Amino acid sequence: MATATSIVRSPAALLSAKVTVSDHKPTPTVQFSRFPSKRSCFTALLSSLHDNNNDDDNNNNVISHPKPLSSSQLFNSVSNGSRLRVAYQGVRGAYSEAAAEKAYPNCEAVPCDQFDSAFQAVEKWLVDRAVLPIENSLGGSIHRNYDLLLRHSLHIVGEVKLAVQHCLLANHGVQLEDLSRVLSHPQALAQCENTLTKIGLSREAVDDTALAAKHVALHKLKDTGAVASSSAAKIYGLNILAQDIQDDCDNVTRFLILAREPIIPGIQNPFKTSIVFR
């Protein structure tokens, strides 16, 4: 199991670490094979900081790595009118989609069925970025994504935090007293346990909050609700029976922004360094 820690440093603290975190730049897309080779080396995860004055002629016998992008290059590339394709795990209406759109407001959010699929999509140039959850203030770390960071050759180039506000959704015409069970992601059900117990609903876990909403709407269920976002209610045409049903209002998920290339942060702002211990 891999674990990680993040340390906020001033720009002056940047010396020779094999890591970086900052933000953004688009790239083209191409087709990819379904089963890329897995990598577990430590350097595949973390961004290597190099002196911009290094002469490529001195590295003829060394495997080349992508040259880190500067913050100014990033700004110019994002502002030139091109639209980033950003992968997230889940279906439309998922909290991860909201995080992707918060990180890149004008992006094309691309749903992936699994976390691993989002990593692959970036590596194989189907998308430009991936926005994936790494920890929740109530549920803790998402260990699966820590492990995937070691297996794939992507770089952490930023983060975004999203306040999670759960809603109880049902089909139109269904009242609260009509419900006997509720569907949602296991973590969402746990975060609303007290509220759901008071209402008297049995819980059934599914892979995604938005997928629960989609299932309830698609099958026109009358005795089943879903715990999901207000965005999912709009997308799937469901009614919001109750809002903010989480037991703790301090419910925030931190998402990592992943890219193929590392990015050197500007010296005018503090930046965060992420280190993985195996």
Protein backbone atom coordinates (compact mmCIF):
# COMPACT_ATOMS: atom_id res chain seq x y z
CA MET A 1 0.00 0.00 0.00
CA ALA A 2 1.40 3.38 -0.93
CA THR A 3 0.96 6.41 1.27
CA ALA A 4 1.71 10.02 0.60
CA THR A 5 2.18 13.30 2.33
CA SER A 6 1.94 16.85 1.03
CA ILE A 7 4.05 19.75 2.26
CA VAL A 8 3.48 23.43 1.42
CA ARG A 9 6.78 25.10 0.62
CA SER A 10 7.86 28.59 -0.38
CA PRO A 11 9.44 28.92 -3.87
CA ALA A 12 12.85 29.32 -2.24
CA ALA A 13 12.58 25.81 -0.82
CA LEU A 14 12.81 24.22 -4.28
CA LEU A 15 16.24 22.59 -4.58
CA SER A 16 16.65 19.10 -5.98
CA ALA A 17 13.51 17.12 -5.14
CA LYS A 18 12.07 14.71 -7.71
CA VAL A 19 8.65 16.26 -7.38
CA THR A 20 6.45 19.16 -8.36
CA VAL A 21 2.92 20.31 -8.20
CA SER A 22 1.41 23.33 -9.92
CA ASP A 23 -1.07 23.59 -12.82
CA HIS A 24 -2.28 23.16 -16.47
CA LYS A 25 -1.56 22.74 -20.32
CA PRO A 26 -3.48 21.05 -23.16
CA THR A 27 -2.14 18.47 -25.62
CA PRO A 28 -3.58 16.57 -28.65
CA THR A 29 -5.31 13.22 -28.47
CA VAL A 30 -4.73 9.88 -30.22
CA GLN A 31 -6.00 6.28 -30.10
CA PHE A 32 -4.63 3.91 -27.44
CA SER A 33 -4.36 0.21 -26.75
CA ARG A 34 -6.46 -1.13 -23.93
CA PHE A 35 -3.81 -2.80 -21.85
CA PRO A 36 -0.70 -0.61 -21.46
CA SER A 37 2.23 -1.97 -19.54
CA LYS A 38 2.20 -1.20 -15.83
CA ARG A 39 4.97 0.74 -14.18
CA SER A 40 5.76 0.72 -10.52
CA CYS A 41 8.92 2.78 -10.34
CA PHE A 42 8.94 5.73 -8.04
CA THR A 43 10.09 8.16 -10.71
CA ALA A 44 7.06 7.41 -12.86
CA LEU A 45 4.88 9.27 -10.36
CA LEU A 46 6.81 12.33 -9.39
CA SER A 47 7.85 15.29 -11.49
CA SER A 48 11.59 15.70 -11.94
CA LEU A 49 12.79 19.28 -11.76
CA HIS A 50 15.57 20.06 -14.18
CA ASP A 51 17.69 23.12 -14.87
CA ASN A 52 16.27 24.79 -17.97
CA ASN A 53 19.83 25.42 -19.16
CA ASN A 54 20.73 21.71 -19.42
CA ASP A 55 22.20 20.92 -22.84
CA ASP A 56 20.42 18.04 -24.59
CA ASP A 57 23.73 17.07 -26.23
CA ASN A 58 25.00 15.94 -22.84
CA ASN A 59 22.16 13.44 -22.55
CA ASN A 60 22.47 11.49 -25.79
CA ASN A 61 22.88 8.22 -23.93
CA VAL A 62 20.15 8.90 -21.38
CA ILE A 63 16.44 8.13 -21.73
CA SER A 64 14.72 11.44 -22.41
CA HIS A 65 11.97 12.74 -20.14
CA PRO A 66 9.31 15.35 -21.00
CA LYS A 67 10.59 18.86 -20.43
CA PRO A 68 8.72 20.53 -17.56
CA LEU A 69 6.34 23.30 -18.53
CA SER A 70 6.56 26.73 -16.96
CA SER A 71 3.58 28.54 -15.48
CA SER A 72 3.76 31.13 -18.27
CA GLN A 73 3.65 28.41 -20.94
CA LEU A 74 0.66 26.92 -19.19
CA PHE A 75 -1.25 30.21 -19.10
CA ASN A 76 -0.60 30.91 -22.78
CA SER A 77 -1.69 27.45 -23.87
CA VAL A 78 -4.92 27.46 -21.86
CA SER A 79 -5.89 30.99 -22.91
CA ASN A 80 -5.41 30.48 -26.66
CA GLY A 81 -8.95 29.18 -27.11
CA SER A 82 -8.25 25.45 -27.08
CA ARG A 83 -10.56 23.31 -24.97
CA LEU A 84 -9.06 20.81 -22.57
CA ARG A 85 -10.42 17.29 -22.36
CA VAL A 86 -10.47 16.24 -18.70
CA ALA A 87 -11.12 12.68 -17.55
CA TYR A 88 -13.01 11.82 -14.35
CA GLN A 89 -14.34 8.60 -12.84
CA GLY A 90 -18.08 8.08 -12.88
CA VAL A 91 -21.05 9.08 -14.99
CA ARG A 92 -22.55 12.51 -15.64
CA GLY A 93 -23.60 14.20 -12.42
CA ALA A 94 -20.80 12.67 -10.36
CA TYR A 95 -18.97 14.84 -7.85
CA SER A 96 -15.79 14.15 -9.82
CA GLU A 97 -17.35 15.81 -12.86
CA ALA A 98 -18.06 18.90 -10.75
CA ALA A 99 -14.43 18.88 -9.57
CA ALA A 100 -13.17 18.67 -13.17
CA GLU A 101 -15.34 21.61 -14.18
CA LYS A 102 -14.19 23.58 -11.14
CA ALA A 103 -10.54 22.97 -12.07
CA TYR A 104 -11.12 23.78 -15.75
CA PRO A 105 -14.41 25.72 -16.19
CA ASN A 106 -14.38 25.51 -20.00
CA CYS A 107 -13.24 21.91 -20.28
CA GLU A 108 -14.84 18.94 -21.97
CA ALA A 109 -15.38 16.54 -19.06
CA VAL A 110 -14.87 12.92 -20.16
CA PRO A 111 -16.43 10.16 -17.97
CA CYS A 112 -14.47 6.95 -17.30
CA ASP A 113 -15.88 3.79 -15.76
CA GLN A 114 -12.87 3.15 -13.49
CA PHE A 115 -10.05 5.16 -11.92
CA ASP A 116 -7.53 3.14 -13.92
CA SER A 117 -9.30 4.06 -17.16
CA ALA A 118 -8.81 7.76 -16.40
CA PHE A 119 -5.07 7.22 -15.86
CA GLN A 120 -4.83 5.33 -19.15
CA ALA A 121 -6.76 7.98 -21.04
CA VAL A 122 -4.19 10.63 -20.08
CA GLU A 123 -1.17 8.41 -20.76
CA LYS A 124 -2.44 7.48 -24.21
CA TRP A 125 -3.40 11.05 -25.22
CA LEU A 126 -7.16 10.49 -25.32
CA VAL A 127 -7.50 13.37 -22.85
CA ASP A 128 -5.27 16.18 -21.58
CA ARG A 129 -5.84 15.90 -17.83
CA ALA A 130 -7.47 13.69 -15.21
CA VAL A 131 -9.12 14.97 -12.03
CA LEU A 132 -9.37 12.19 -9.44
CA PRO A 133 -10.20 12.12 -5.70
CA ILE A 134 -7.35 11.44 -3.30
CA GLU A 135 -8.87 12.08 0.13
CA ASN A 136 -12.06 13.09 1.89
CA SER A 137 -12.27 15.06 5.14
CA LEU A 138 -14.61 12.44 6.64
CA GLY A 139 -13.79 9.21 4.80
CA GLY A 140 -10.01 9.60 4.65
CA SER A 141 -7.68 8.58 1.82
CA ILE A 142 -8.73 6.94 -1.43
CA HIS A 143 -6.08 4.22 -1.32
CA ARG A 144 -6.81 2.90 -4.80
CA ASN A 145 -5.62 6.14 -6.38
CA TYR A 146 -2.44 6.22 -4.30
CA ASP A 147 -1.60 2.78 -5.71
CA LEU A 148 -2.43 3.87 -9.26
CA LEU A 149 -0.12 6.88 -8.94
CA LEU A 150 2.76 4.42 -8.53
CA ARG A 151 1.72 2.28 -11.48
CA HIS A 152 1.30 5.05 -14.04
CA SER A 153 3.71 7.64 -15.38
CA LEU A 154 1.65 10.76 -14.70
CA HIS A 155 2.55 13.95 -12.84
CA ILE A 156 0.57 15.81 -10.19
CA VAL A 157 0.15 19.34 -11.57
CA GLY A 158 -2.50 20.77 -9.24
CA GLU A 159 -5.37 20.08 -6.91
CA VAL A 160 -8.94 21.20 -6.36
CA LYS A 161 -11.18 20.92 -3.29
CA LEU A 162 -14.91 20.34 -3.58
CA ALA A 163 -17.51 20.67 -0.83
CA VAL A 164 -19.76 17.60 -0.96
CA GLN A 165 -23.46 18.33 -0.45
CA HIS A 166 -25.61 15.22 -0.57
CA CYS A 167 -29.27 15.27 -1.58
CA LEU A 168 -32.00 12.65 -1.29
CA LEU A 169 -33.45 12.19 -4.78
CA ALA A 170 -36.53 10.37 -6.07
CA ASN A 171 -38.75 10.30 -9.12
CA HIS A 172 -41.39 13.01 -9.44
CA GLY A 173 -44.59 12.13 -7.64
CA VAL A 174 -42.75 10.00 -5.07
CA GLN A 175 -43.02 11.26 -1.48
CA LEU A 176 -40.58 10.66 1.35
CA GLU A 177 -42.98 8.24 3.05
CA ASP A 178 -43.13 6.16 -0.16
CA LEU A 179 -39.46 5.24 0.06
CA SER A 180 -38.21 2.04 1.68
CA ARG A 181 -34.60 1.98 0.47
CA VAL A 182 -31.91 4.27 -0.91
CA LEU A 183 -29.01 3.67 -3.33
CA SER A 184 -25.62 5.39 -3.37
CA HIS A 185 -21.88 5.00 -3.12
CA PRO A 186 -20.84 3.33 0.17
CA GLN A 187 -19.01 6.42 1.37
CA ALA A 188 -22.00 8.66 0.64
CA LEU A 189 -24.30 6.29 2.54
CA ALA A 190 -21.90 6.32 5.50
CA GLN A 191 -21.75 10.12 5.46
CA CYS A 192 -25.56 10.29 5.67
CA GLU A 193 -26.06 7.40 8.09
CA ASN A 194 -27.81 9.31 10.89
CA THR A 195 -30.21 11.07 8.54
CA LEU A 196 -31.10 7.91 6.64
CA THR A 197 -31.62 5.99 9.89
CA LYS A 198 -34.04 8.64 11.18
CA ILE A 199 -36.02 8.43 7.94
CA GLY A 200 -36.04 4.63 8.24
CA LEU A 201 -34.49 3.71 4.89
CA SER A 202 -32.50 0.59 4.16
CA ARG A 203 -29.23 1.23 2.29
CA GLU A 204 -27.89 -0.45 -0.84
CA ALA A 205 -24.39 0.36 -2.15
CA VAL A 206 -23.56 0.97 -5.82
CA ASP A 207 -20.39 2.14 -7.58
CA ASP A 208 -21.23 5.84 -7.87
CA THR A 209 -23.64 8.44 -6.50
CA ALA A 210 -24.67 9.65 -9.95
CA LEU A 211 -25.04 6.05 -11.13
CA ALA A 212 -27.54 5.52 -8.31
CA ALA A 213 -29.54 8.53 -9.50
CA LYS A 214 -29.42 7.29 -13.09
CA HIS A 215 -30.64 3.83 -12.04
CA VAL A 216 -33.59 5.22 -10.07
CA ALA A 217 -34.63 7.45 -12.98
CA LEU A 218 -34.10 4.84 -15.72
CA HIS A 219 -36.19 2.19 -13.97
CA LYS A 220 -38.78 4.69 -12.70
CA LEU A 221 -38.53 3.26 -9.20
CA LYS A 222 -41.27 4.34 -6.79
CA ASP A 223 -39.97 2.86 -3.55
CA THR A 224 -36.29 3.70 -3.99
CA GLY A 225 -34.37 6.95 -3.72
CA ALA A 226 -30.76 7.92 -4.34
CA VAL A 227 -28.18 9.94 -2.43
CA ALA A 228 -26.42 12.11 -5.00
CA SER A 229 -25.76 15.70 -6.02
CA SER A 230 -28.27 18.35 -7.05
CA SER A 231 -26.56 18.29 -10.45
CA ALA A 232 -27.46 14.60 -10.82
CA ALA A 233 -31.09 15.47 -10.04
CA LYS A 234 -31.17 17.96 -12.93
CA ILE A 235 -29.44 15.63 -15.38
CA TYR A 236 -31.67 12.63 -14.70
CA GLY A 237 -34.92 14.50 -14.06
CA LEU A 238 -35.31 13.59 -10.40
CA ASN A 239 -36.95 15.49 -7.58
CA ILE A 240 -34.93 16.65 -4.56
CA LEU A 241 -36.75 15.46 -1.44
CA ALA A 242 -34.10 16.73 1.00
CA GLN A 243 -30.89 18.75 0.66
CA ASP A 244 -27.64 18.70 2.65
CA ILE A 245 -28.45 15.39 4.34
CA GLN A 246 -24.82 14.62 5.24
CA ASP A 247 -24.29 14.19 8.99
CA ASP A 248 -21.28 16.53 9.03
CA CYS A 249 -21.37 19.80 7.10
CA ASP A 250 -17.56 19.83 6.91
CA ASN A 251 -17.46 17.32 4.06
CA VAL A 252 -14.74 18.20 1.55
CA THR A 253 -13.00 16.01 -1.03
CA ARG A 254 -9.55 16.87 -2.36
CA PHE A 255 -8.89 15.97 -6.00
CA LEU A 256 -5.54 15.71 -7.78
CA ILE A 257 -5.03 17.09 -11.28
CA LEU A 258 -2.85 14.72 -13.32
CA ALA A 259 -1.00 15.33 -16.59
CA ARG A 260 1.59 13.70 -18.82
CA GLU A 261 4.10 16.54 -18.36
CA PRO A 262 5.44 18.07 -15.14
CA ILE A 263 4.96 21.79 -14.59
CA ILE A 264 7.41 24.14 -12.88
CA PRO A 265 5.45 26.57 -10.67
CA GLY A 266 6.01 30.30 -10.89
CA ILE A 267 8.28 31.80 -8.24
CA GLN A 268 5.66 34.34 -7.18
CA ASN A 269 3.38 31.79 -5.46
CA PRO A 270 3.84 29.04 -2.86
CA PHE A 271 3.50 25.51 -4.20
CA LYS A 272 2.92 22.05 -2.79
CA THR A 273 5.29 19.08 -2.99
CA SER A 274 3.99 15.50 -2.90
CA ILE A 275 6.21 12.59 -1.87
CA VAL A 276 5.37 8.88 -2.04
CA PHE A 277 6.87 6.34 0.38
CA ARG A 278 6.70 2.64 -0.53
